[in-house]
Each structure stands twice: as C-alpha cells, then as structure tokens.
Amino acid sequence: MGDFTRLLVAVRSGDAGAISEAFELTYRELHELAHQRLRRSSRITMLDTTALVHECYLRLVKLGQLEANDRAHFLGLTVEEIATALGVSTRTIRRDWEKARMLLHAALQS
C-alpha cells in the first residue's frame, strides 16, 4: 500500500490529520491539475489555481469526509477514463462537469 493510499485509509478511519498530510503529499500535482482545468475553461473566473486547490482542501476538511480509495481515485481521471469507470458516455461526463462548475460558481458567489 502506497503512502497516499495509507493516508486515505487513515482519513476514512477518522484520523483528522491525515487529510492534511494527503494534500501536502499531492499539492504540486493538484496545483497542476487545477491549472490545466482553469486554462481549458473559457469562462472568466475569480479563482486562480492556488485558490481552487485551497478551496478544495477547505471543503474536504469542513465535510470531514474523503471517499477516495487510492491516489488515482482521489486525483480524478481523464474524461474518457471517468466515462469508462462509470459506464457512461463521455458526453454525460462533460455535461456533469459543466453542471459541477456552475454549482461551484453559484456557491462561491453567495
């Protein structure tokens, strides 16, 4: 079991400090993923890459839950990989991502 997967198991077992360790372990990768997502977005946003990663962390800590099984599950996949894993079309995944972006935008505005 890798360090990250061990931390995810600890989070699910109630270890509050494990989520901070997990983010510290993957911070650079999360930052790069956020940068890629924001760069692809045609919408103007008030968030920058760092703010997006920090907002994600704060929301996970606030919820006190993390339901990822391993590193790949936590860091999310390509649209095609997500569609395959869920047994749906890439169009469905793209539509769901758009809904998620709109909900996040609305939540951040309020």
PDB file of N, CA and C in Angstrom:
ATOM      1  N   MET A   1       0.854  -1.176   0.000  1.00  0.00           N
ATOM      2  CA  MET A   1       0.000   0.000   0.000  1.00  0.00           C
ATOM      3  C   MET A   1       0.897   1.234   0.000  1.00  0.00           C
ATOM      4  N   GLY A   2       0.661   2.155  -0.934  1.00  0.00           N
ATOM      5  CA  GLY A   2       1.449   3.377  -1.022  1.00  0.00           C
ATOM      6  C   GLY A   2       1.117   4.338   0.103  1.00  0.00           C
ATOM      7  N   ASP A   3       1.981   5.330   0.278  1.00  0.00           N
ATOM      8  CA  ASP A   3       1.786   6.320   1.341  1.00  0.00           C
ATOM      9  C   ASP A   3       0.442   7.038   1.208  1.00  0.00           C
ATOM     10  N   PHE A   4       0.099   7.416  -0.030  1.00  0.00           N
ATOM     11  CA  PHE A   4      -1.141   8.161  -0.231  1.00  0.00           C
ATOM     12  C   PHE A   4      -2.352   7.300   0.095  1.00  0.00           C
ATOM     13  N   THR A   5      -2.343   6.059  -0.365  1.00  0.00           N
ATOM     14  CA  THR A   5      -3.463   5.161  -0.080  1.00  0.00           C
ATOM     15  C   THR A   5      -3.575   4.924   1.426  1.00  0.00           C
ATOM     16  N   ARG A   6      -2.441   4.775   2.104  1.00  0.00           N
ATOM     17  CA  ARG A   6      -2.440   4.607   3.559  1.00  0.00           C
ATOM     18  C   ARG A   6      -3.088   5.827   4.225  1.00  0.00           C
ATOM     19  N   LEU A   7      -2.774   7.016   3.738  1.00  0.00           N
ATOM     20  CA  LEU A   7      -3.368   8.234   4.297  1.00  0.00           C
ATOM     21  C   LEU A   7      -4.874   8.280   4.062  1.00  0.00           C
ATOM     22  N   LEU A   8      -5.312   7.846   2.892  1.00  0.00           N
ATOM     23  CA  LEU A   8      -6.755   7.832   2.613  1.00  0.00           C
ATOM     24  C   LEU A   8      -7.486   6.869   3.554  1.00  0.00           C
ATOM     25  N   VAL A   9      -6.872   5.737   3.819  1.00  0.00           N
ATOM     26  CA  VAL A   9      -7.451   4.783   4.765  1.00  0.00           C
ATOM     27  C   VAL A   9      -7.534   5.430   6.148  1.00  0.00           C
ATOM     28  N   ALA A  10      -6.486   6.150   6.533  1.00  0.00           N
ATOM     29  CA  ALA A  10      -6.479   6.837   7.832  1.00  0.00           C
ATOM     30  C   ALA A  10      -7.568   7.897   7.901  1.00  0.00           C
ATOM     31  N   VAL A  11      -7.779   8.627   6.817  1.00  0.00           N
ATOM     32  CA  VAL A  11      -8.838   9.648   6.786  1.00  0.00           C
ATOM     33  C   VAL A  11     -10.193   8.985   7.015  1.00  0.00           C
ATOM     34  N   ARG A  12     -10.446   7.900   6.292  1.00  0.00           N
ATOM     35  CA  ARG A  12     -11.734   7.206   6.437  1.00  0.00           C
ATOM     36  C   ARG A  12     -11.912   6.604   7.824  1.00  0.00           C
ATOM     37  N   SER A  13     -10.793   6.349   8.517  1.00  0.00           N
ATOM     38  CA  SER A  13     -10.848   5.799   9.874  1.00  0.00           C
ATOM     39  C   SER A  13     -11.003   6.888  10.934  1.00  0.00           C
ATOM     40  N   GLY A  14     -11.029   8.138  10.496  1.00  0.00           N
ATOM     41  CA  GLY A  14     -11.256   9.232  11.431  1.00  0.00           C
ATOM     42  C   GLY A  14     -10.020  10.019  11.822  1.00  0.00           C
ATOM     43  N   ASP A  15      -8.876   9.751  11.219  1.00  0.00           N
ATOM     44  CA  ASP A  15      -7.646  10.490  11.523  1.00  0.00           C
ATOM     45  C   ASP A  15      -7.713  11.861  10.853  1.00  0.00           C
ATOM     46  N   ALA A  16      -8.023  12.893  11.641  1.00  0.00           N
ATOM     47  CA  ALA A  16      -8.216  14.238  11.099  1.00  0.00           C
ATOM     48  C   ALA A  16      -6.949  14.808  10.479  1.00  0.00           C
ATOM     49  N   GLY A  17      -5.785  14.456  10.980  1.00  0.00           N
ATOM     50  CA  GLY A  17      -4.533  14.980  10.449  1.00  0.00           C
ATOM     51  C   GLY A  17      -4.117  14.360   9.137  1.00  0.00           C
ATOM     52  N   ALA A  18      -4.682  13.217   8.816  1.00  0.00           N
ATOM     53  CA  ALA A  18      -4.277  12.509   7.603  1.00  0.00           C
ATOM     54  C   ALA A  18      -4.660  13.266   6.340  1.00  0.00           C
ATOM     55  N   ILE A  19      -5.752  14.013   6.366  1.00  0.00           N
ATOM     56  CA  ILE A  19      -6.157  14.745   5.162  1.00  0.00           C
ATOM     57  C   ILE A  19      -5.148  15.845   4.836  1.00  0.00           C
ATOM     58  N   SER A  20      -4.606  16.475   5.861  1.00  0.00           N
ATOM     59  CA  SER A  20      -3.572  17.491   5.629  1.00  0.00           C
ATOM     60  C   SER A  20      -2.320  16.861   5.040  1.00  0.00           C
ATOM     61  N   GLU A  21      -1.954  15.707   5.556  1.00  0.00           N
ATOM     62  CA  GLU A  21      -0.790  15.002   5.015  1.00  0.00           C
ATOM     63  C   GLU A  21      -1.016  14.588   3.565  1.00  0.00           C
ATOM     64  N   ALA A  22      -2.228  14.145   3.261  1.00  0.00           N
ATOM     65  CA  ALA A  22      -2.547  13.732   1.894  1.00  0.00           C
ATOM     66  C   ALA A  22      -2.431  14.911   0.938  1.00  0.00           C
ATOM     67  N   PHE A  23      -2.947  16.061   1.338  1.00  0.00           N
ATOM     68  CA  PHE A  23      -2.840  17.242   0.484  1.00  0.00           C
ATOM     69  C   PHE A  23      -1.400  17.684   0.332  1.00  0.00           C
ATOM     70  N   GLU A  24      -0.644  17.624   1.413  1.00  0.00           N
ATOM     71  CA  GLU A  24       0.769  18.007   1.344  1.00  0.00           C
ATOM     72  C   GLU A  24       1.523  17.098   0.373  1.00  0.00           C
ATOM     73  N   LEU A  25       1.206  15.818   0.410  1.00  0.00           N
ATOM     74  CA  LEU A  25       1.865  14.842  -0.453  1.00  0.00           C
ATOM     75  C   LEU A  25       1.545  15.064  -1.927  1.00  0.00           C
ATOM     76  N   THR A  26       0.351  15.578  -2.224  1.00  0.00           N
ATOM     77  CA  THR A  26      -0.081  15.718  -3.620  1.00  0.00           C
ATOM     78  C   THR A  26      -0.277  17.155  -4.061  1.00  0.00           C
ATOM     79  N   TYR A  27       0.167  18.114  -3.249  1.00  0.00           N
ATOM     80  CA  TYR A  27      -0.124  19.518  -3.525  1.00  0.00           C
ATOM     81  C   TYR A  27       0.319  19.950  -4.926  1.00  0.00           C
ATOM     82  N   ARG A  28       1.558  19.648  -5.302  1.00  0.00           N
ATOM     83  CA  ARG A  28       2.042  20.083  -6.619  1.00  0.00           C
ATOM     84  C   ARG A  28       1.198  19.494  -7.743  1.00  0.00           C
ATOM     85  N   GLU A  29       0.855  18.221  -7.618  1.00  0.00           N
ATOM     86  CA  GLU A  29       0.053  17.584  -8.653  1.00  0.00           C
ATOM     87  C   GLU A  29      -1.354  18.179  -8.710  1.00  0.00           C
ATOM     88  N   LEU A  30      -1.954  18.435  -7.551  1.00  0.00           N
ATOM     89  CA  LEU A  30      -3.271  19.077  -7.524  1.00  0.00           C
ATOM     90  C   LEU A  30      -3.214  20.472  -8.135  1.00  0.00           C
ATOM     91  N   HIS A  31      -2.157  21.182  -7.844  1.00  0.00           N
ATOM     92  CA  HIS A  31      -1.973  22.531  -8.382  1.00  0.00           C
ATOM     93  C   HIS A  31      -1.908  22.474  -9.912  1.00  0.00           C
ATOM     94  N   GLU A  32      -1.162  21.533 -10.451  1.00  0.00           N
ATOM     95  CA  GLU A  32      -1.043  21.394 -11.910  1.00  0.00           C
ATOM     96  C   GLU A  32      -2.380  21.000 -12.535  1.00  0.00           C
ATOM     97  N   LEU A  33      -3.107  20.083 -11.884  1.00  0.00           N
ATOM     98  CA  LEU A  33      -4.426  19.691 -12.396  1.00  0.00           C
ATOM     99  C   LEU A  33      -5.387  20.882 -12.404  1.00  0.00           C
ATOM    100  N   ALA A  34      -5.381  21.670 -11.336  1.00  0.00           N
ATOM    101  CA  ALA A  34      -6.243  22.854 -11.272  1.00  0.00           C
ATOM    102  C   ALA A  34      -5.866  23.847 -12.363  1.00  0.00           C
ATOM    103  N   HIS A  35      -4.573  24.028 -12.572  1.00  0.00           N
ATOM    104  CA  HIS A  35      -4.106  24.942 -13.615  1.00  0.00           C
ATOM    105  C   HIS A  35      -4.596  24.492 -14.994  1.00  0.00           C
ATOM    106  N   GLN A  36      -4.483  23.201 -15.261  1.00  0.00           N
ATOM    107  CA  GLN A  36      -4.948  22.679 -16.548  1.00  0.00           C
ATOM    108  C   GLN A  36      -6.441  22.893 -16.724  1.00  0.00           C
ATOM    109  N   ARG A  37      -7.214  22.635 -15.684  1.00  0.00           N
ATOM    110  CA  ARG A  37      -8.669  22.793 -15.768  1.00  0.00           C
ATOM    111  C   ARG A  37      -9.052  24.257 -15.998  1.00  0.00           C
ATOM    112  N   LEU A  38      -8.417  25.143 -15.258  1.00  0.00           N
ATOM    113  CA  LEU A  38      -8.746  26.567 -15.417  1.00  0.00           C
ATOM    114  C   LEU A  38      -8.315  27.083 -16.787  1.00  0.00           C
ATOM    115  N   ARG A  39      -7.195  26.592 -17.288  1.00  0.00           N
ATOM    116  CA  ARG A  39      -6.711  27.016 -18.603  1.00  0.00           C
ATOM    117  C   ARG A  39      -7.679  26.585 -19.701  1.00  0.00           C
ATOM    118  N   ARG A  40      -8.284  25.410 -19.541  1.00  0.00           N
ATOM    119  CA  ARG A  40      -9.240  24.910 -20.534  1.00  0.00           C
ATOM    120  C   ARG A  40     -10.590  25.598 -20.459  1.00  0.00           C
ATOM    121  N   SER A  41     -10.880  26.194 -19.319  1.00  0.00           N
ATOM    122  CA  SER A  41     -12.169  26.836 -19.124  1.00  0.00           C
ATOM    123  C   SER A  41     -12.230  28.134 -19.911  1.00  0.00           C
ATOM    124  N   SER A  42     -13.289  28.297 -20.669  1.00  0.00           N
ATOM    125  CA  SER A  42     -13.438  29.521 -21.447  1.00  0.00           C
ATOM    126  C   SER A  42     -14.101  30.627 -20.621  1.00  0.00           C
ATOM    127  N   ARG A  43     -14.594  30.266 -19.470  1.00  0.00           N
ATOM    128  CA  ARG A  43     -15.285  31.247 -18.626  1.00  0.00           C
ATOM    129  C   ARG A  43     -14.278  32.056 -17.809  1.00  0.00           C
ATOM    130  N   ILE A  44     -14.627  33.277 -17.559  1.00  0.00           N
ATOM    131  CA  ILE A  44     -13.807  34.110 -16.682  1.00  0.00           C
ATOM    132  C   ILE A  44     -14.151  33.711 -15.252  1.00  0.00           C
ATOM    133  N   THR A  45     -13.145  33.520 -14.444  1.00  0.00           N
ATOM    134  CA  THR A  45     -13.370  33.097 -13.070  1.00  0.00           C
ATOM    135  C   THR A  45     -12.552  33.957 -12.114  1.00  0.00           C
ATOM    136  N   MET A  46     -13.032  34.082 -10.923  1.00  0.00           N
ATOM    137  CA  MET A  46     -12.318  34.834  -9.900  1.00  0.00           C
ATOM    138  C   MET A  46     -11.253  33.971  -9.227  1.00  0.00           C
ATOM    139  N   LEU A  47     -11.306  32.670  -9.451  1.00  0.00           N
ATOM    140  CA  LEU A  47     -10.350  31.766  -8.818  1.00  0.00           C
ATOM    141  C   LEU A  47      -9.082  31.652  -9.636  1.00  0.00           C
ATOM    142  N   ASP A  48      -7.959  31.585  -8.949  1.00  0.00           N
ATOM    143  CA  ASP A  48      -6.734  31.209  -9.619  1.00  0.00           C
ATOM    144  C   ASP A  48      -6.422  29.774  -9.199  1.00  0.00           C
ATOM    145  N   THR A  49      -5.352  29.225  -9.724  1.00  0.00           N
ATOM    146  CA  THR A  49      -5.024  27.827  -9.473  1.00  0.00           C
ATOM    147  C   THR A  49      -4.876  27.535  -7.982  1.00  0.00           C
ATOM    148  N   THR A  50      -4.125  28.346  -7.301  1.00  0.00           N
ATOM    149  CA  THR A  50      -3.892  28.112  -5.874  1.00  0.00           C
ATOM    150  C   THR A  50      -5.188  28.211  -5.084  1.00  0.00           C
ATOM    151  N   ALA A  51      -6.012  29.191  -5.388  1.00  0.00           N
ATOM    152  CA  ALA A  51      -7.284  29.352  -4.692  1.00  0.00           C
ATOM    153  C   ALA A  51      -8.184  28.133  -4.908  1.00  0.00           C
ATOM    154  N   LEU A  52      -8.183  27.584  -6.113  1.00  0.00           N
ATOM    155  CA  LEU A  52      -9.006  26.414  -6.399  1.00  0.00           C
ATOM    156  C   LEU A  52      -8.555  25.215  -5.575  1.00  0.00           C
ATOM    157  N   VAL A  53      -7.255  24.980  -5.501  1.00  0.00           N
ATOM    158  CA  VAL A  53      -6.734  23.864  -4.705  1.00  0.00           C
ATOM    159  C   VAL A  53      -7.038  24.070  -3.226  1.00  0.00           C
ATOM    160  N   HIS A  54      -6.864  25.290  -2.728  1.00  0.00           N
ATOM    161  CA  HIS A  54      -7.120  25.567  -1.317  1.00  0.00           C
ATOM    162  C   HIS A  54      -8.603  25.453  -0.994  1.00  0.00           C
ATOM    163  N   GLU A  55      -9.452  25.902  -1.889  1.00  0.00           N
ATOM    164  CA  GLU A  55     -10.897  25.777  -1.689  1.00  0.00           C
ATOM    165  C   GLU A  55     -11.299  24.306  -1.600  1.00  0.00           C
ATOM    166  N   CYS A  56     -10.722  23.491  -2.450  1.00  0.00           N
ATOM    167  CA  CYS A  56     -10.979  22.046  -2.421  1.00  0.00           C
ATOM    168  C   CYS A  56     -10.589  21.474  -1.063  1.00  0.00           C
ATOM    169  N   TYR A  57      -9.416  21.817  -0.590  1.00  0.00           N
ATOM    170  CA  TYR A  57      -8.936  21.333   0.705  1.00  0.00           C
ATOM    171  C   TYR A  57      -9.885  21.764   1.831  1.00  0.00           C
ATOM    172  N   LEU A  58     -10.242  23.033   1.852  1.00  0.00           N
ATOM    173  CA  LEU A  58     -11.107  23.537   2.919  1.00  0.00           C
ATOM    174  C   LEU A  58     -12.460  22.855   2.934  1.00  0.00           C
ATOM    175  N   ARG A  59     -12.994  22.611   1.767  1.00  0.00           N
ATOM    176  CA  ARG A  59     -14.298  21.945   1.709  1.00  0.00           C
ATOM    177  C   ARG A  59     -14.213  20.501   2.190  1.00  0.00           C
ATOM    178  N   LEU A  60     -13.131  19.796   1.833  1.00  0.00           N
ATOM    179  CA  LEU A  60     -12.968  18.421   2.309  1.00  0.00           C
ATOM    180  C   LEU A  60     -12.786  18.377   3.822  1.00  0.00           C
ATOM    181  N   VAL A  61     -12.028  19.304   4.360  1.00  0.00           N
ATOM    182  CA  VAL A  61     -11.820  19.355   5.804  1.00  0.00           C
ATOM    183  C   VAL A  61     -13.132  19.668   6.506  1.00  0.00           C
ATOM    184  N   LYS A  62     -13.888  20.619   5.949  1.00  0.00           N
ATOM    185  CA  LYS A  62     -15.168  21.008   6.545  1.00  0.00           C
ATOM    186  C   LYS A  62     -16.140  19.833   6.560  1.00  0.00           C
ATOM    187  N   LEU A  63     -16.162  19.082   5.466  1.00  0.00           N
ATOM    188  CA  LEU A  63     -17.049  17.926   5.390  1.00  0.00           C
ATOM    189  C   LEU A  63     -16.596  16.802   6.314  1.00  0.00           C
ATOM    190  N   GLY A  64     -15.286  16.725   6.538  1.00  0.00           N
ATOM    191  CA  GLY A  64     -14.756  15.662   7.380  1.00  0.00           C
ATOM    192  C   GLY A  64     -14.828  14.303   6.733  1.00  0.00           C
ATOM    193  N   GLN A  65     -14.992  14.297   5.426  1.00  0.00           N
ATOM    194  CA  GLN A  65     -15.120  13.029   4.711  1.00  0.00           C
ATOM    195  C   GLN A  65     -14.229  13.046   3.485  1.00  0.00           C
ATOM    196  N   LEU A  66     -13.716  11.886   3.174  1.00  0.00           N
ATOM    197  CA  LEU A  66     -12.953  11.701   1.959  1.00  0.00           C
ATOM    198  C   LEU A  66     -13.204  10.280   1.517  1.00  0.00           C
ATOM    199  N   GLU A  67     -13.877  10.094   0.406  1.00  0.00           N
ATOM    200  CA  GLU A  67     -14.281   8.766  -0.017  1.00  0.00           C
ATOM    201  C   GLU A  67     -13.485   8.267  -1.209  1.00  0.00           C
ATOM    202  N   ALA A  68     -12.196   8.510  -1.218  1.00  0.00           N
ATOM    203  CA  ALA A  68     -11.341   8.014  -2.293  1.00  0.00           C
ATOM    204  C   ALA A  68     -10.670   6.726  -1.830  1.00  0.00           C
ATOM    205  N   ASN A  69     -10.512   5.800  -2.765  1.00  0.00           N
ATOM    206  CA  ASN A  69      -9.907   4.515  -2.424  1.00  0.00           C
ATOM    207  C   ASN A  69      -8.393   4.507  -2.592  1.00  0.00           C
ATOM    208  N   ASP A  70      -7.890   5.290  -3.539  1.00  0.00           N
ATOM    209  CA  ASP A  70      -6.460   5.310  -3.808  1.00  0.00           C
ATOM    210  C   ASP A  70      -6.116   6.613  -4.507  1.00  0.00           C
ATOM    211  N   ARG A  71      -4.844   6.772  -4.849  1.00  0.00           N
ATOM    212  CA  ARG A  71      -4.366   8.016  -5.443  1.00  0.00           C
ATOM    213  C   ARG A  71      -5.097   8.363  -6.743  1.00  0.00           C
ATOM    214  N   ALA A  72      -5.273   7.383  -7.626  1.00  0.00           N
ATOM    215  CA  ALA A  72      -5.952   7.630  -8.902  1.00  0.00           C
ATOM    216  C   ALA A  72      -7.396   8.063  -8.682  1.00  0.00           C
ATOM    217  N   HIS A  73      -8.060   7.472  -7.713  1.00  0.00           N
ATOM    218  CA  HIS A  73      -9.443   7.823  -7.393  1.00  0.00           C
ATOM    219  C   HIS A  73      -9.518   9.254  -6.870  1.00  0.00           C
ATOM    220  N   PHE A  74      -8.560   9.646  -6.072  1.00  0.00           N
ATOM    221  CA  PHE A  74      -8.535  10.974  -5.486  1.00  0.00           C
ATOM    222  C   PHE A  74      -8.233  12.058  -6.504  1.00  0.00           C
ATOM    223  N   LEU A  75      -7.346  11.802  -7.445  1.00  0.00           N
ATOM    224  CA  LEU A  75      -6.870  12.830  -8.353  1.00  0.00           C
ATOM    225  C   LEU A  75      -7.678  12.964  -9.614  1.00  0.00           C
ATOM    226  N   GLY A  76      -8.970  12.031  -9.534  1.00  0.00           N
ATOM    227  CA  GLY A  76      -9.832  12.167 -10.681  1.00  0.00           C
ATOM    228  C   GLY A  76      -9.077  11.734 -11.868  1.00  0.00           C
ATOM    229  N   LEU A  77      -9.609  11.348 -13.085  1.00  0.00           N
ATOM    230  CA  LEU A  77      -9.075  10.734 -14.297  1.00  0.00           C
ATOM    231  C   LEU A  77      -9.382  11.636 -15.476  1.00  0.00           C
ATOM    232  N   THR A  78      -9.000  11.200 -16.728  1.00  0.00           N
ATOM    233  CA  THR A  78      -9.410  11.928 -17.925  1.00  0.00           C
ATOM    234  C   THR A  78     -10.903  11.698 -18.124  1.00  0.00           C
ATOM    235  N   VAL A  79     -11.512  12.505 -18.940  1.00  0.00           N
ATOM    236  CA  VAL A  79     -12.940  12.355 -19.221  1.00  0.00           C
ATOM    237  C   VAL A  79     -13.229  10.945 -19.724  1.00  0.00           C
ATOM    238  N   GLU A  80     -12.388  10.459 -20.596  1.00  0.00           N
ATOM    239  CA  GLU A  80     -12.584   9.122 -21.158  1.00  0.00           C
ATOM    240  C   GLU A  80     -12.463   8.046 -20.084  1.00  0.00           C
ATOM    241  N   GLU A  81     -11.478   8.194 -19.186  1.00  0.00           N
ATOM    242  CA  GLU A  81     -11.289   7.213 -18.112  1.00  0.00           C
ATOM    243  C   GLU A  81     -12.455   7.244 -17.125  1.00  0.00           C
ATOM    244  N   ILE A  82     -12.963   8.430 -16.844  1.00  0.00           N
ATOM    245  CA  ILE A  82     -14.115   8.559 -15.952  1.00  0.00           C
ATOM    246  C   ILE A  82     -15.326   7.877 -16.572  1.00  0.00           C
ATOM    247  N   ALA A  83     -15.563   8.147 -17.850  1.00  0.00           N
ATOM    248  CA  ALA A  83     -16.705   7.541 -18.540  1.00  0.00           C
ATOM    249  C   ALA A  83     -16.622   6.021 -18.496  1.00  0.00           C
ATOM    250  N   THR A  84     -15.449   5.496 -18.747  1.00  0.00           N
ATOM    251  CA  THR A  84     -15.264   4.042 -18.724  1.00  0.00           C
ATOM    252  C   THR A  84     -15.509   3.497 -17.321  1.00  0.00           C
ATOM    253  N   ALA A  85     -14.938   4.154 -16.315  1.00  0.00           N
ATOM    254  CA  ALA A  85     -15.083   3.688 -14.933  1.00  0.00           C
ATOM    255  C   ALA A  85     -16.540   3.706 -14.477  1.00  0.00           C
ATOM    256  N   LEU A  86     -17.301   4.696 -14.930  1.00  0.00           N
ATOM    257  CA  LEU A  86     -18.702   4.817 -14.525  1.00  0.00           C
ATOM    258  C   LEU A  86     -19.679   4.134 -15.466  1.00  0.00           C
ATOM    259  N   GLY A  87     -19.179   3.712 -16.622  1.00  0.00           N
ATOM    260  CA  GLY A  87     -20.056   3.039 -17.583  1.00  0.00           C
ATOM    261  C   GLY A  87     -21.035   3.979 -18.258  1.00  0.00           C
ATOM    262  N   VAL A  88     -20.600   5.225 -18.492  1.00  0.00           N
ATOM    263  CA  VAL A  88     -21.447   6.206 -19.171  1.00  0.00           C
ATOM    264  C   VAL A  88     -20.665   6.804 -20.334  1.00  0.00           C
ATOM    265  N   SER A  89     -21.324   7.653 -21.107  1.00  0.00           N
ATOM    266  CA  SER A  89     -20.664   8.262 -22.257  1.00  0.00           C
ATOM    267  C   SER A  89     -19.806   9.458 -21.833  1.00  0.00           C
ATOM    268  N   THR A  90     -18.862   9.806 -22.695  1.00  0.00           N
ATOM    269  CA  THR A  90     -18.042  10.992 -22.422  1.00  0.00           C
ATOM    270  C   THR A  90     -18.913  12.245 -22.440  1.00  0.00           C
ATOM    271  N   ARG A  91     -19.949  12.231 -23.255  1.00  0.00           N
ATOM    272  CA  ARG A  91     -20.866  13.373 -23.296  1.00  0.00           C
ATOM    273  C   ARG A  91     -21.531  13.585 -21.933  1.00  0.00           C
ATOM    274  N   THR A  92     -21.923  12.499 -21.284  1.00  0.00           N
ATOM    275  CA  THR A  92     -22.526  12.594 -19.953  1.00  0.00           C
ATOM    276  C   THR A  92     -21.537  13.187 -18.958  1.00  0.00           C
ATOM    277  N   ILE A  93     -20.294  12.744 -19.023  1.00  0.00           N
ATOM    278  CA  ILE A  93     -19.273  13.257 -18.110  1.00  0.00           C
ATOM    279  C   ILE A  93     -19.048  14.747 -18.352  1.00  0.00           C
ATOM    280  N   ARG A  94     -18.938  15.155 -19.611  1.00  0.00           N
ATOM    281  CA  ARG A  94     -18.739  16.574 -19.913  1.00  0.00           C
ATOM    282  C   ARG A  94     -19.921  17.413 -19.418  1.00  0.00           C
ATOM    283  N   ARG A  95     -21.122  16.900 -19.572  1.00  0.00           N
ATOM    284  CA  ARG A  95     -22.320  17.605 -19.106  1.00  0.00           C
ATOM    285  C   ARG A  95     -22.307  17.715 -17.568  1.00  0.00           C
ATOM    286  N   ASP A  96     -21.915  16.628 -16.897  1.00  0.00           N
ATOM    287  CA  ASP A  96     -21.842  16.648 -15.432  1.00  0.00           C
ATOM    288  C   ASP A  96     -20.774  17.619 -14.937  1.00  0.00           C
ATOM    289  N   TRP A  97     -19.636  17.680 -15.638  1.00  0.00           N
ATOM    290  CA  TRP A  97     -18.594  18.638 -15.268  1.00  0.00           C
ATOM    291  C   TRP A  97     -19.118  20.065 -15.392  1.00  0.00           C
ATOM    292  N   GLU A  98     -19.846  20.333 -16.445  1.00  0.00           N
ATOM    293  CA  GLU A  98     -20.390  21.680 -16.643  1.00  0.00           C
ATOM    294  C   GLU A  98     -21.357  22.033 -15.515  1.00  0.00           C
ATOM    295  N   LYS A  99     -22.211  21.088 -15.129  1.00  0.00           N
ATOM    296  CA  LYS A  99     -23.127  21.321 -14.009  1.00  0.00           C
ATOM    297  C   LYS A  99     -22.351  21.598 -12.725  1.00  0.00           C
ATOM    298  N   ALA A 100     -21.296  20.814 -12.492  1.00  0.00           N
ATOM    299  CA  ALA A 100     -20.482  20.998 -11.286  1.00  0.00           C
ATOM    300  C   ALA A 100     -19.827  22.373 -11.268  1.00  0.00           C
ATOM    301  N   ARG A 101     -19.322  22.805 -12.413  1.00  0.00           N
ATOM    302  CA  ARG A 101     -18.705  24.133 -12.491  1.00  0.00           C
ATOM    303  C   ARG A 101     -19.727  25.228 -12.195  1.00  0.00           C
ATOM    304  N   MET A 102     -20.927  25.080 -12.733  1.00  0.00           N
ATOM    305  CA  MET A 102     -21.965  26.081 -12.483  1.00  0.00           C
ATOM    306  C   MET A 102     -22.365  26.109 -11.013  1.00  0.00           C
ATOM    307  N   LEU A 103     -22.485  24.941 -10.380  1.00  0.00           N
ATOM    308  CA  LEU A 103     -22.826  24.890  -8.972  1.00  0.00           C
ATOM    309  C   LEU A 103     -21.735  25.488  -8.099  1.00  0.00           C
ATOM    310  N   LEU A 104     -20.480  25.191  -8.427  1.00  0.00           N
ATOM    311  CA  LEU A 104     -19.354  25.772  -7.690  1.00  0.00           C
ATOM    312  C   LEU A 104     -19.329  27.285  -7.843  1.00  0.00           C
ATOM    313  N   HIS A 105     -19.554  27.745  -9.047  1.00  0.00           N
ATOM    314  CA  HIS A 105     -19.584  29.187  -9.300  1.00  0.00           C
ATOM    315  C   HIS A 105     -20.691  29.846  -8.478  1.00  0.00           C
ATOM    316  N   ALA A 106     -21.878  29.253  -8.485  1.00  0.00           N
ATOM    317  CA  ALA A 106     -23.000  29.809  -7.736  1.00  0.00           C
ATOM    318  C   ALA A 106     -22.711  29.811  -6.231  1.00  0.00           C
ATOM    319  N   ALA A 107     -22.094  28.733  -5.740  1.00  0.00           N
ATOM    320  CA  ALA A 107     -21.775  28.654  -4.317  1.00  0.00           C
ATOM    321  C   ALA A 107     -20.745  29.701  -3.913  1.00  0.00           C
ATOM    322  N   LEU A 108     -19.782  29.947  -4.790  1.00  0.00           N
ATOM    323  CA  LEU A 108     -18.748  30.930  -4.479  1.00  0.00           C
ATOM    324  C   LEU A 108     -19.270  32.360  -4.570  1.00  0.00           C
ATOM    325  N   GLN A 109     -20.313  32.574  -5.341  1.00  0.00           N
ATOM    326  CA  GLN A 109     -20.897  33.905  -5.462  1.00  0.00           C
ATOM    327  C   GLN A 109     -21.711  34.285  -4.229  1.00  0.00           C
ATOM    328  N   SER A 110     -22.250  33.278  -3.532  1.00  0.00           N
ATOM    329  CA  SER A 110     -23.095  33.572  -2.370  1.00  0.00           C
ATOM    330  C   SER A 110     -22.326  33.657  -1.087  1.00  0.00           C
TER     331      SER A 110
END
